[in-house]
């Protein structure tokens, strides 16, 4: 069996499966709503833009990031 035929068969399998879903569509909608909440809404409240609020220029932000990435993490380094 060729790779093209295999990929076509796999695609058709999933396409036909998703077409015949009834409960699955509702579950996929719920899943998408949850993902939107997790990545959009929670990001606003739990992951503020630290660099934008604490540093005025791009140079200051770059220096802070470089300092954080290059600092030693312990006595063995």
PDB file of N, CA and C in Angstrom:
ATOM      1  N   UNK A   1       0.858  -1.180   0.000  1.00  0.00           N
ATOM      2  CA  UNK A   1       0.000   0.000   0.000  1.00  0.00           C
ATOM      3  C   UNK A   1       0.898   1.235   0.000  1.00  0.00           C
ATOM      4  N   UNK A   2       0.605   2.180  -0.867  1.00  0.00           N
ATOM      5  CA  UNK A   2       1.429   3.381  -0.965  1.00  0.00           C
ATOM      6  C   UNK A   2       1.079   4.363   0.150  1.00  0.00           C
ATOM      7  N   UNK A   3       1.982   5.262   0.374  1.00  0.00           N
ATOM      8  CA  UNK A   3       1.797   6.265   1.428  1.00  0.00           C
ATOM      9  C   UNK A   3       0.607   7.174   1.111  1.00  0.00           C
ATOM     10  N   UNK A   4       0.453   7.535  -0.123  1.00  0.00           N
ATOM     11  CA  UNK A   4      -0.665   8.395  -0.517  1.00  0.00           C
ATOM     12  C   UNK A   4      -1.994   7.702  -0.255  1.00  0.00           C
ATOM     13  N   UNK A   5      -2.070   6.438  -0.600  1.00  0.00           N
ATOM     14  CA  UNK A   5      -3.302   5.673  -0.373  1.00  0.00           C
ATOM     15  C   UNK A   5      -3.588   5.562   1.119  1.00  0.00           C
ATOM     16  N   UNK A   6      -2.558   5.308   1.909  1.00  0.00           N
ATOM     17  CA  UNK A   6      -2.715   5.188   3.357  1.00  0.00           C
ATOM     18  C   UNK A   6      -3.228   6.496   3.962  1.00  0.00           C
ATOM     19  N   UNK A   7      -2.630   7.616   3.573  1.00  0.00           N
ATOM     20  CA  UNK A   7      -3.064   8.915   4.094  1.00  0.00           C
ATOM     21  C   UNK A   7      -4.497   9.229   3.673  1.00  0.00           C
ATOM     22  N   UNK A   8      -4.857   8.874   2.451  1.00  0.00           N
ATOM     23  CA  UNK A   8      -6.222   9.090   1.980  1.00  0.00           C
ATOM     24  C   UNK A   8      -7.209   8.264   2.795  1.00  0.00           C
ATOM     25  N   UNK A   9      -6.862   7.006   3.058  1.00  0.00           N
ATOM     26  CA  UNK A   9      -7.736   6.139   3.842  1.00  0.00           C
ATOM     27  C   UNK A   9      -7.911   6.655   5.263  1.00  0.00           C
ATOM     28  N   UNK A  10      -6.829   7.112   5.879  1.00  0.00           N
ATOM     29  CA  UNK A  10      -6.900   7.646   7.239  1.00  0.00           C
ATOM     30  C   UNK A  10      -7.761   8.906   7.255  1.00  0.00           C
ATOM     31  N   UNK A  11      -7.558   9.789   6.290  1.00  0.00           N
ATOM     32  CA  UNK A  11      -8.360  11.011   6.206  1.00  0.00           C
ATOM     33  C   UNK A  11      -9.840  10.681   6.053  1.00  0.00           C
ATOM     34  N   UNK A  12     -10.162   9.777   5.150  1.00  0.00           N
ATOM     35  CA  UNK A  12     -11.568   9.394   4.930  1.00  0.00           C
ATOM     36  C   UNK A  12     -12.177   8.754   6.177  1.00  0.00           C
ATOM     37  N   UNK A  13     -11.405   7.958   6.879  1.00  0.00           N
ATOM     38  CA  UNK A  13     -11.877   7.321   8.101  1.00  0.00           C
ATOM     39  C   UNK A  13     -12.315   8.382   9.121  1.00  0.00           C
ATOM     40  N   UNK A  14     -11.453   9.352   9.371  1.00  0.00           N
ATOM     41  CA  UNK A  14     -11.780  10.389  10.350  1.00  0.00           C
ATOM     42  C   UNK A  14     -12.878  11.316   9.854  1.00  0.00           C
ATOM     43  N   UNK A  15     -12.871  11.665   8.571  1.00  0.00           N
ATOM     44  CA  UNK A  15     -13.907  12.531   8.024  1.00  0.00           C
ATOM     45  C   UNK A  15     -15.285  11.886   8.162  1.00  0.00           C
ATOM     46  N   UNK A  16     -15.395  10.627   7.801  1.00  0.00           N
ATOM     47  CA  UNK A  16     -16.678   9.930   7.918  1.00  0.00           C
ATOM     48  C   UNK A  16     -17.089   9.769   9.380  1.00  0.00           C
ATOM     49  N   UNK A  17     -16.138   9.556  10.250  1.00  0.00           N
ATOM     50  CA  UNK A  17     -16.442   9.438  11.671  1.00  0.00           C
ATOM     51  C   UNK A  17     -16.974  10.736  12.251  1.00  0.00           C
ATOM     52  N   UNK A  18     -16.356  11.859  11.888  1.00  0.00           N
ATOM     53  CA  UNK A  18     -16.817  13.148  12.398  1.00  0.00           C
ATOM     54  C   UNK A  18     -18.158  13.556  11.792  1.00  0.00           C
ATOM     55  N   UNK A  19     -18.421  13.145  10.558  1.00  0.00           N
ATOM     56  CA  UNK A  19     -19.703  13.469   9.922  1.00  0.00           C
ATOM     57  C   UNK A  19     -20.869  12.821  10.650  1.00  0.00           C
ATOM     58  N   UNK A  20     -20.672  11.594  11.113  1.00  0.00           N
ATOM     59  CA  UNK A  20     -21.778  10.849  11.706  1.00  0.00           C
ATOM     60  C   UNK A  20     -21.936  11.096  13.203  1.00  0.00           C
ATOM     61  N   UNK A  21     -21.121  11.951  13.765  1.00  0.00           N
ATOM     62  CA  UNK A  21     -21.207  12.225  15.201  1.00  0.00           C
ATOM     63  C   UNK A  21     -22.413  13.082  15.538  1.00  0.00           C
ATOM     64  N   UNK A  22     -23.032  12.800  16.667  1.00  0.00           N
ATOM     65  CA  UNK A  22     -24.072  13.686  17.193  1.00  0.00           C
ATOM     66  C   UNK A  22     -23.639  14.199  18.561  1.00  0.00           C
ATOM     67  N   UNK A  23     -23.389  13.310  19.475  1.00  0.00           N
ATOM     68  CA  UNK A  23     -22.909  13.689  20.798  1.00  0.00           C
ATOM     69  C   UNK A  23     -21.491  14.247  20.715  1.00  0.00           C
ATOM     70  N   UNK A  24     -20.705  13.705  19.830  1.00  0.00           N
ATOM     71  CA  UNK A  24     -19.318  14.139  19.688  1.00  0.00           C
ATOM     72  C   UNK A  24     -19.186  15.598  19.315  1.00  0.00           C
ATOM     73  N   UNK A  25     -20.089  16.092  18.487  1.00  0.00           N
ATOM     74  CA  UNK A  25     -20.027  17.508  18.104  1.00  0.00           C
ATOM     75  C   UNK A  25     -20.223  18.407  19.312  1.00  0.00           C
ATOM     76  N   UNK A  26     -21.146  18.028  20.166  1.00  0.00           N
ATOM     77  CA  UNK A  26     -21.380  18.810  21.382  1.00  0.00           C
ATOM     78  C   UNK A  26     -20.147  18.767  22.279  1.00  0.00           C
ATOM     79  N   UNK A  27     -19.542  17.603  22.384  1.00  0.00           N
ATOM     80  CA  UNK A  27     -18.341  17.483  23.212  1.00  0.00           C
ATOM     81  C   UNK A  27     -17.186  18.301  22.640  1.00  0.00           C
ATOM     82  N   UNK A  28     -17.041  18.324  21.313  1.00  0.00           N
ATOM     83  CA  UNK A  28     -15.998  19.129  20.696  1.00  0.00           C
ATOM     84  C   UNK A  28     -16.250  20.616  20.940  1.00  0.00           C
ATOM     85  N   UNK A  29     -17.503  21.043  20.912  1.00  0.00           N
ATOM     86  CA  UNK A  29     -17.816  22.447  21.195  1.00  0.00           C
ATOM     87  C   UNK A  29     -17.448  22.806  22.627  1.00  0.00           C
ATOM     88  N   UNK A  30     -17.768  21.913  23.555  1.00  0.00           N
ATOM     89  CA  UNK A  30     -17.412  22.145  24.960  1.00  0.00           C
ATOM     90  C   UNK A  30     -15.897  22.215  25.112  1.00  0.00           C
ATOM     91  N   UNK A  31     -15.184  21.334  24.428  1.00  0.00           N
ATOM     92  CA  UNK A  31     -13.724  21.334  24.483  1.00  0.00           C
ATOM     93  C   UNK A  31     -13.163  22.639  23.947  1.00  0.00           C
ATOM     94  N   UNK A  32     -13.669  23.121  22.843  1.00  0.00           N
ATOM     95  CA  UNK A  32     -13.187  24.382  22.276  1.00  0.00           C
ATOM     96  C   UNK A  32     -13.472  25.568  23.191  1.00  0.00           C
ATOM     97  N   UNK A  33     -14.634  25.565  23.826  1.00  0.00           N
ATOM     98  CA  UNK A  33     -14.954  26.636  24.776  1.00  0.00           C
ATOM     99  C   UNK A  33     -13.978  26.608  25.950  1.00  0.00           C
ATOM    100  N   UNK A  34     -13.679  25.422  26.440  1.00  0.00           N
ATOM    101  CA  UNK A  34     -12.712  25.302  27.547  1.00  0.00           C
ATOM    102  C   UNK A  34     -11.334  25.811  27.135  1.00  0.00           C
ATOM    103  N   UNK A  35     -10.895  25.470  25.935  1.00  0.00           N
ATOM    104  CA  UNK A  35      -9.592  25.935  25.467  1.00  0.00           C
ATOM    105  C   UNK A  35      -9.549  27.451  25.328  1.00  0.00           C
ATOM    106  N   UNK A  36     -10.639  28.025  24.843  1.00  0.00           N
ATOM    107  CA  UNK A  36     -10.700  29.484  24.731  1.00  0.00           C
ATOM    108  C   UNK A  36     -10.603  30.113  26.113  1.00  0.00           C
ATOM    109  N   UNK A  37     -11.299  29.549  27.079  1.00  0.00           N
ATOM    110  CA  UNK A  37     -11.249  30.080  28.440  1.00  0.00           C
ATOM    111  C   UNK A  37      -9.842  29.940  29.001  1.00  0.00           C
ATOM    112  N   UNK A  38      -9.233  28.780  28.837  1.00  0.00           N
ATOM    113  CA  UNK A  38      -7.897  28.569  29.393  1.00  0.00           C
ATOM    114  C   UNK A  38      -6.860  29.499  28.786  1.00  0.00           C
ATOM    115  N   UNK A  39      -6.837  29.592  27.463  1.00  0.00           N
ATOM    116  CA  UNK A  39      -5.762  30.334  26.820  1.00  0.00           C
ATOM    117  C   UNK A  39      -6.038  31.812  26.644  1.00  0.00           C
ATOM    118  N   UNK A  40      -7.266  32.224  26.611  1.00  0.00           N
ATOM    119  CA  UNK A  40      -7.565  33.646  26.405  1.00  0.00           C
ATOM    120  C   UNK A  40      -7.869  34.361  27.709  1.00  0.00           C
ATOM    121  N   UNK A  41      -8.852  33.883  28.437  1.00  0.00           N
ATOM    122  CA  UNK A  41      -9.301  34.591  29.633  1.00  0.00           C
ATOM    123  C   UNK A  41      -8.293  34.457  30.766  1.00  0.00           C
ATOM    124  N   UNK A  42      -7.840  33.255  31.058  1.00  0.00           N
ATOM    125  CA  UNK A  42      -6.906  33.072  32.163  1.00  0.00           C
ATOM    126  C   UNK A  42      -5.573  33.766  31.916  1.00  0.00           C
ATOM    127  N   UNK A  43      -5.155  33.850  30.658  1.00  0.00           N
ATOM    128  CA  UNK A  43      -3.910  34.538  30.342  1.00  0.00           C
ATOM    129  C   UNK A  43      -3.981  35.996  30.773  1.00  0.00           C
ATOM    130  N   UNK A  44      -5.121  36.601  30.599  1.00  0.00           N
ATOM    131  CA  UNK A  44      -5.270  38.006  30.976  1.00  0.00           C
ATOM    132  C   UNK A  44      -5.092  38.228  32.470  1.00  0.00           C
ATOM    133  N   UNK A  45      -5.565  37.276  33.280  1.00  0.00           N
ATOM    134  CA  UNK A  45      -5.539  37.465  34.727  1.00  0.00           C
ATOM    135  C   UNK A  45      -4.310  36.870  35.406  1.00  0.00           C
ATOM    136  N   UNK A  46      -3.812  35.756  34.912  1.00  0.00           N
ATOM    137  CA  UNK A  46      -2.724  35.063  35.597  1.00  0.00           C
ATOM    138  C   UNK A  46      -1.356  35.252  34.968  1.00  0.00           C
ATOM    139  N   UNK A  47      -1.292  35.745  33.756  1.00  0.00           N
ATOM    140  CA  UNK A  47      -0.014  35.934  33.086  1.00  0.00           C
ATOM    141  C   UNK A  47       0.089  37.343  32.532  1.00  0.00           C
ATOM    142  N   UNK A  48       0.228  38.331  33.414  1.00  0.00           N
ATOM    143  CA  UNK A  48       0.331  39.712  32.922  1.00  0.00           C
ATOM    144  C   UNK A  48       1.653  39.914  32.174  1.00  0.00           C
ATOM    145  N   UNK A  49       1.716  40.959  31.386  1.00  0.00           N
ATOM    146  CA  UNK A  49       2.913  41.251  30.615  1.00  0.00           C
ATOM    147  C   UNK A  49       3.943  41.913  31.525  1.00  0.00           C
ATOM    148  N   UNK A  50       4.757  41.092  32.169  1.00  0.00           N
ATOM    149  CA  UNK A  50       5.736  41.550  33.158  1.00  0.00           C
ATOM    150  C   UNK A  50       6.731  42.536  32.555  1.00  0.00           C
ATOM    151  N   UNK A  51       7.255  42.219  31.400  1.00  0.00           N
ATOM    152  CA  UNK A  51       8.267  43.083  30.801  1.00  0.00           C
ATOM    153  C   UNK A  51       7.688  44.433  30.395  1.00  0.00           C
ATOM    154  N   UNK A  52       6.497  44.429  29.871  1.00  0.00           N
ATOM    155  CA  UNK A  52       5.871  45.681  29.432  1.00  0.00           C
ATOM    156  C   UNK A  52       5.572  46.605  30.608  1.00  0.00           C
ATOM    157  N   UNK A  53       5.166  46.025  31.736  1.00  0.00           N
ATOM    158  CA  UNK A  53       4.779  46.865  32.869  1.00  0.00           C
ATOM    159  C   UNK A  53       5.963  47.288  33.726  1.00  0.00           C
ATOM    160  N   UNK A  54       7.061  46.540  33.716  1.00  0.00           N
ATOM    161  CA  UNK A  54       8.177  46.849  34.611  1.00  0.00           C
ATOM    162  C   UNK A  54       9.363  47.529  33.941  1.00  0.00           C
ATOM    163  N   UNK A  55       9.389  47.564  32.626  1.00  0.00           N
ATOM    164  CA  UNK A  55      10.510  48.181  31.916  1.00  0.00           C
ATOM    165  C   UNK A  55       9.978  49.115  30.847  1.00  0.00           C
ATOM    166  N   UNK A  56      10.672  50.238  30.659  1.00  0.00           N
ATOM    167  CA  UNK A  56      10.185  51.289  29.767  1.00  0.00           C
ATOM    168  C   UNK A  56      10.616  51.092  28.310  1.00  0.00           C
ATOM    169  N   UNK A  57      11.828  50.610  28.088  1.00  0.00           N
ATOM    170  CA  UNK A  57      12.335  50.511  26.718  1.00  0.00           C
ATOM    171  C   UNK A  57      12.630  49.060  26.359  1.00  0.00           C
ATOM    172  N   UNK A  58      12.766  48.826  25.060  1.00  0.00           N
ATOM    173  CA  UNK A  58      13.116  47.487  24.588  1.00  0.00           C
ATOM    174  C   UNK A  58      14.511  47.084  25.056  1.00  0.00           C
ATOM    175  N   UNK A  59      15.393  48.045  25.160  1.00  0.00           N
ATOM    176  CA  UNK A  59      16.756  47.747  25.617  1.00  0.00           C
ATOM    177  C   UNK A  59      16.740  47.260  27.067  1.00  0.00           C
ATOM    178  N   UNK A  60      15.968  47.903  27.919  1.00  0.00           N
ATOM    179  CA  UNK A  60      15.859  47.467  29.313  1.00  0.00           C
ATOM    180  C   UNK A  60      15.258  46.063  29.392  1.00  0.00           C
ATOM    181  N   UNK A  61      14.258  45.790  28.580  1.00  0.00           N
ATOM    182  CA  UNK A  61      13.640  44.464  28.567  1.00  0.00           C
ATOM    183  C   UNK A  61      14.642  43.414  28.114  1.00  0.00           C
ATOM    184  N   UNK A  62      15.378  43.725  27.067  1.00  0.00           N
ATOM    185  CA  UNK A  62      16.369  42.780  26.544  1.00  0.00           C
ATOM    186  C   UNK A  62      17.454  42.513  27.573  1.00  0.00           C
ATOM    187  N   UNK A  63      17.917  43.547  28.255  1.00  0.00           N
ATOM    188  CA  UNK A  63      18.943  43.367  29.283  1.00  0.00           C
ATOM    189  C   UNK A  63      18.428  42.513  30.441  1.00  0.00           C
ATOM    190  N   UNK A  64      17.193  42.710  30.831  1.00  0.00           N
ATOM    191  CA  UNK A  64      16.616  41.913  31.919  1.00  0.00           C
ATOM    192  C   UNK A  64      16.518  40.444  31.513  1.00  0.00           C
ATOM    193  N   UNK A  65      16.042  40.185  30.309  1.00  0.00           N
ATOM    194  CA  UNK A  65      15.931  38.800  29.835  1.00  0.00           C
ATOM    195  C   UNK A  65      17.302  38.156  29.756  1.00  0.00           C
ATOM    196  N   UNK A  66      18.277  38.877  29.209  1.00  0.00           N
ATOM    197  CA  UNK A  66      19.640  38.346  29.114  1.00  0.00           C
ATOM    198  C   UNK A  66      20.207  38.053  30.492  1.00  0.00           C
ATOM    199  N   UNK A  67      19.973  38.934  31.442  1.00  0.00           N
ATOM    200  CA  UNK A  67      20.446  38.731  32.814  1.00  0.00           C
ATOM    201  C   UNK A  67      19.802  37.497  33.446  1.00  0.00           C
ATOM    202  N   UNK A  68      18.514  37.331  33.233  1.00  0.00           N
ATOM    203  CA  UNK A  68      17.806  36.179  33.811  1.00  0.00           C
ATOM    204  C   UNK A  68      18.250  34.869  33.179  1.00  0.00           C
ATOM    205  N   UNK A  69      18.541  34.883  31.900  1.00  0.00           N
ATOM    206  CA  UNK A  69      18.957  33.656  31.218  1.00  0.00           C
ATOM    207  C   UNK A  69      20.400  33.284  31.512  1.00  0.00           C
ATOM    208  N   UNK A  70      21.226  34.271  31.787  1.00  0.00           N
ATOM    209  CA  UNK A  70      22.646  33.979  31.945  1.00  0.00           C
ATOM    210  C   UNK A  70      23.115  33.907  33.399  1.00  0.00           C
ATOM    211  N   UNK A  71      22.231  34.157  34.351  1.00  0.00           N
ATOM    212  CA  UNK A  71      22.667  34.103  35.742  1.00  0.00           C
ATOM    213  C   UNK A  71      22.862  32.644  36.176  1.00  0.00           C
ATOM    214  N   UNK A  72      23.711  32.452  37.178  1.00  0.00           N
ATOM    215  CA  UNK A  72      24.005  31.111  37.666  1.00  0.00           C
ATOM    216  C   UNK A  72      22.854  30.622  38.531  1.00  0.00           C
ATOM    217  N   UNK A  73      22.574  29.323  38.441  1.00  0.00           N
ATOM    218  CA  UNK A  73      21.469  28.770  39.174  1.00  0.00           C
ATOM    219  C   UNK A  73      21.887  28.146  40.490  1.00  0.00           C
ATOM    220  N   UNK A  74      23.160  27.933  40.707  1.00  0.00           N
ATOM    221  CA  UNK A  74      23.600  27.322  41.951  1.00  0.00           C
ATOM    222  C   UNK A  74      25.107  27.376  42.096  1.00  0.00           C
ATOM    223  N   UNK A  75      25.634  26.833  43.189  1.00  0.00           N
ATOM    224  CA  UNK A  75      27.066  26.921  43.459  1.00  0.00           C
ATOM    225  C   UNK A  75      27.905  26.020  42.544  1.00  0.00           C
ATOM    226  N   UNK A  76      27.328  25.052  41.872  1.00  0.00           N
ATOM    227  CA  UNK A  76      28.089  24.130  41.039  1.00  0.00           C
ATOM    228  C   UNK A  76      28.295  24.645  39.624  1.00  0.00           C
ATOM    229  N   UNK A  77      27.790  25.800  39.307  1.00  0.00           N
ATOM    230  CA  UNK A  77      27.903  26.290  37.944  1.00  0.00           C
ATOM    231  C   UNK A  77      28.938  27.372  37.838  1.00  0.00           C
TER     232      UNK A  77
END
